[in-house]
Amino acid sequence: MSDCLSPHVKRPQPGQQRVDWFEVTDAAHVRVWAWTCPCRAVYFELCKAGGSAFIRRIV
């Protein structure tokens, strides 16, 4: 049993589409709505800012 409370990123599955990642230009006022567990080397946050939503990848 893990002590982690957030979900972990799953391994890529056959047939999944690859995502191109871009730098966020202005993310001064971002609200994080959901996230994956930060115990891994790469984790993700679902963010909202200025009427837009995006996924932030943290390496």
Protein backbone atom coordinates (compact mmCIF):
# COMPACT_ATOMS: atom_id res chain seq x y z
CA MET A 1 0.00 0.00 0.00
CA SER A 2 1.30 3.43 -0.95
CA ASP A 3 1.30 6.55 1.22
CA CYS A 4 0.49 8.65 -1.84
CA LEU A 5 -2.91 10.35 -1.92
CA SER A 6 -2.92 11.52 -5.55
CA PRO A 7 -3.19 9.28 -8.64
CA HIS A 8 -0.02 8.23 -10.45
CA VAL A 9 0.62 8.72 -14.16
CA LYS A 10 -0.06 5.49 -16.01
CA ARG A 11 2.34 3.94 -18.51
CA PRO A 12 1.69 4.74 -22.19
CA GLN A 13 -0.64 2.27 -23.88
CA PRO A 14 -0.45 1.10 -27.52
CA GLY A 15 -2.36 3.41 -29.84
CA GLN A 16 -2.30 6.46 -27.57
CA GLN A 17 -1.72 9.83 -29.18
CA ARG A 18 1.51 11.68 -28.39
CA VAL A 19 1.14 15.18 -26.91
CA ASP A 20 3.32 18.15 -27.92
CA TRP A 21 4.21 20.29 -24.90
CA PHE A 22 4.60 24.08 -25.07
CA GLU A 23 5.94 26.59 -22.58
CA VAL A 24 3.29 28.61 -20.76
CA THR A 25 3.76 32.26 -21.69
CA ASP A 26 1.91 33.95 -18.81
CA ALA A 27 0.87 31.84 -15.86
CA ALA A 28 1.09 34.39 -13.05
CA HIS A 29 -2.45 33.74 -11.72
CA VAL A 30 -3.01 30.01 -12.13
CA ARG A 31 -5.41 27.90 -10.14
CA VAL A 32 -4.51 24.21 -9.91
CA TRP A 33 -7.66 22.05 -9.99
CA ALA A 34 -6.21 18.54 -10.05
CA TRP A 35 -2.82 16.86 -10.09
CA THR A 36 -1.01 13.58 -10.24
CA CYS A 37 1.27 12.38 -7.47
CA PRO A 38 4.51 14.41 -7.27
CA CYS A 39 6.51 11.41 -5.99
CA ARG A 40 7.48 10.59 -9.61
CA ALA A 41 10.08 12.40 -11.74
CA VAL A 42 7.33 13.79 -14.02
CA TYR A 43 3.90 14.82 -12.77
CA PHE A 44 1.01 16.88 -14.11
CA GLU A 45 -1.36 19.62 -12.95
CA LEU A 46 -4.71 20.59 -14.44
CA CYS A 47 -4.65 24.40 -14.33
CA LYS A 48 -7.09 27.22 -15.07
CA ALA A 49 -6.07 30.80 -15.77
CA GLY A 50 -7.76 33.70 -17.53
CA GLY A 51 -10.68 31.63 -18.81
CA SER A 52 -8.44 28.92 -20.25
CA ALA A 53 -7.54 25.48 -18.98
CA PHE A 54 -4.31 23.63 -19.63
CA ILE A 55 -2.20 20.77 -18.32
CA ARG A 56 1.13 21.74 -16.84
CA ARG A 57 3.88 19.10 -16.99
CA ILE A 58 6.49 19.33 -14.24
CA VAL A 59 9.82 17.57 -14.77
